Amino acid sequence: MRDYKKLEVWKRSHDLTLAIYRATRAYPTTETFGLASQTRRSAAAVPANIAEGSGRASGADYARFVSYAAASCNETEYHLLLARDLGYIGVDEWTSIAAEVGEIRSMLVALSRRLV
């Protein structure tokens, strides 16, 4: 069993999730159970999948969960793009958060390659 909390990619994805929770507070109340919820869930899935995968017995299993985390980055990225285009999130905030999503995805791809 690996300690996922020691991984830089987990730390950054956890911080990203916190940032997304803060950003989605400003969404319209009509989006509470829509886009805000979807964005939060996809962001939270990134560190959650890293954590779950770290408890798997084989590197291949772990890599599969890391792959799920990377896919959740893609989903989060789209939700943020949609929120930007709808005017729910400012361009500066979107640029910063989207850049972090991209860096985390790159870190996940590199981690996945090391596991298999």
Protein backbone atom coordinates (compact mmCIF):
# COMPACT_ATOMS: atom_id res chain seq x y z
CA MET A 1 0.00 0.00 0.00
CA ARG A 2 1.39 3.36 -1.06
CA ASP A 3 0.83 6.62 0.83
CA TYR A 4 -0.98 8.74 -1.74
CA LYS A 5 -0.74 11.84 0.49
CA LYS A 6 3.00 11.96 -0.20
CA LEU A 7 2.50 12.27 -3.96
CA GLU A 8 2.87 15.79 -5.33
CA VAL A 9 0.18 15.08 -7.94
CA TRP A 10 -2.28 14.12 -5.20
CA LYS A 11 -1.46 17.26 -3.19
CA ARG A 12 -1.94 19.48 -6.23
CA SER A 13 -5.16 17.76 -7.28
CA HIS A 14 -6.53 18.14 -3.76
CA ASP A 15 -5.66 21.85 -3.80
CA LEU A 16 -7.27 22.13 -7.23
CA THR A 17 -10.46 20.57 -5.89
CA LEU A 18 -10.52 23.11 -3.08
CA ALA A 19 -10.04 25.95 -5.59
CA ILE A 20 -12.88 24.61 -7.73
CA TYR A 21 -15.19 24.39 -4.74
CA ARG A 22 -14.41 28.06 -4.00
CA ALA A 23 -14.89 29.10 -7.63
CA THR A 24 -18.21 27.29 -8.03
CA ARG A 25 -19.71 29.07 -5.02
CA ALA A 26 -20.18 32.06 -7.30
CA TYR A 27 -22.20 30.11 -9.87
CA PRO A 28 -25.91 30.96 -10.12
CA THR A 29 -28.11 29.07 -7.67
CA THR A 30 -29.82 27.47 -10.65
CA GLU A 31 -26.54 25.58 -11.23
CA THR A 32 -26.24 24.21 -7.69
CA PHE A 33 -27.32 20.73 -8.79
CA GLY A 34 -26.14 21.17 -12.37
CA LEU A 35 -22.82 22.49 -13.58
CA ALA A 36 -21.49 23.41 -10.13
CA SER A 37 -22.11 19.90 -8.85
CA GLN A 38 -20.70 18.23 -11.95
CA THR A 39 -17.56 20.34 -11.86
CA ARG A 40 -17.00 19.62 -8.19
CA ARG A 41 -17.53 15.88 -8.65
CA SER A 42 -15.19 15.61 -11.61
CA ALA A 43 -12.51 17.61 -9.79
CA ALA A 44 -12.85 15.55 -6.61
CA ALA A 45 -12.61 12.36 -8.66
CA VAL A 46 -9.00 13.19 -9.52
CA PRO A 47 -7.47 12.91 -6.03
CA ALA A 48 -10.03 10.24 -5.08
CA ASN A 49 -8.92 7.96 -7.93
CA ILE A 50 -5.27 8.51 -7.04
CA ALA A 51 -6.06 7.53 -3.46
CA GLU A 52 -8.08 4.49 -4.46
CA GLY A 53 -5.48 3.30 -6.94
CA SER A 54 -2.70 3.60 -4.39
CA GLY A 55 -4.40 0.87 -2.38
CA ARG A 56 -4.40 -1.60 -5.25
CA ALA A 57 -2.06 -4.56 -5.16
CA SER A 58 -0.55 -4.28 -8.64
CA GLY A 59 1.03 -1.48 -10.58
CA ALA A 60 -1.33 -2.19 -13.46
CA ASP A 61 -4.37 -1.70 -11.23
CA TYR A 62 -2.90 1.49 -9.83
CA ALA A 63 -2.18 2.74 -13.35
CA ARG A 64 -5.81 2.11 -14.32
CA PHE A 65 -7.02 4.39 -11.51
CA VAL A 66 -4.44 7.00 -12.43
CA SER A 67 -5.88 6.83 -15.95
CA TYR A 68 -9.36 7.44 -14.51
CA ALA A 69 -7.96 10.46 -12.67
CA ALA A 70 -6.54 11.83 -15.94
CA ALA A 71 -9.92 11.32 -17.62
CA SER A 72 -11.54 13.26 -14.79
CA CYS A 73 -9.10 16.08 -15.53
CA ASN A 74 -10.50 16.18 -19.07
CA GLU A 75 -14.05 16.27 -17.75
CA THR A 76 -13.18 19.02 -15.27
CA GLU A 77 -11.46 21.01 -17.99
CA TYR A 78 -14.59 20.90 -20.14
CA HIS A 79 -16.88 21.91 -17.26
CA LEU A 80 -14.63 24.90 -16.59
CA LEU A 81 -14.63 25.87 -20.25
CA LEU A 82 -18.41 25.73 -20.31
CA ALA A 83 -18.61 27.81 -17.12
CA ARG A 84 -16.27 30.38 -18.66
CA ASP A 85 -18.34 30.59 -21.84
CA LEU A 86 -21.53 30.96 -19.79
CA GLY A 87 -19.93 33.78 -17.81
CA TYR A 88 -19.94 31.91 -14.49
CA ILE A 89 -16.18 32.13 -14.09
CA GLY A 90 -13.88 34.95 -15.15
CA VAL A 91 -11.25 34.51 -17.83
CA ASP A 92 -8.35 35.10 -15.42
CA GLU A 93 -9.62 32.56 -12.91
CA TRP A 94 -10.38 30.10 -15.70
CA THR A 95 -6.89 30.53 -17.19
CA SER A 96 -5.24 29.84 -13.85
CA ILE A 97 -7.37 26.83 -12.96
CA ALA A 98 -7.28 25.35 -16.46
CA ALA A 99 -3.48 25.60 -16.51
CA GLU A 100 -3.31 23.69 -13.24
CA VAL A 101 -5.65 21.02 -14.62
CA GLY A 102 -3.32 20.60 -17.59
CA GLU A 103 -0.24 20.29 -15.41
CA ILE A 104 -1.92 17.73 -13.17
CA ARG A 105 -3.00 15.71 -16.20
CA SER A 106 0.62 15.69 -17.45
CA MET A 107 1.81 14.52 -14.04
CA LEU A 108 -0.77 11.74 -14.07
CA VAL A 109 0.32 10.55 -17.51
CA ALA A 110 3.93 10.43 -16.31
CA LEU A 111 2.93 8.55 -13.15
CA SER A 112 0.91 6.06 -15.15
CA ARG A 113 3.89 5.32 -17.40
CA ARG A 114 6.07 4.58 -14.37
CA LEU A 115 3.54 2.16 -12.94
CA VAL A 116 3.26 -0.27 -15.86
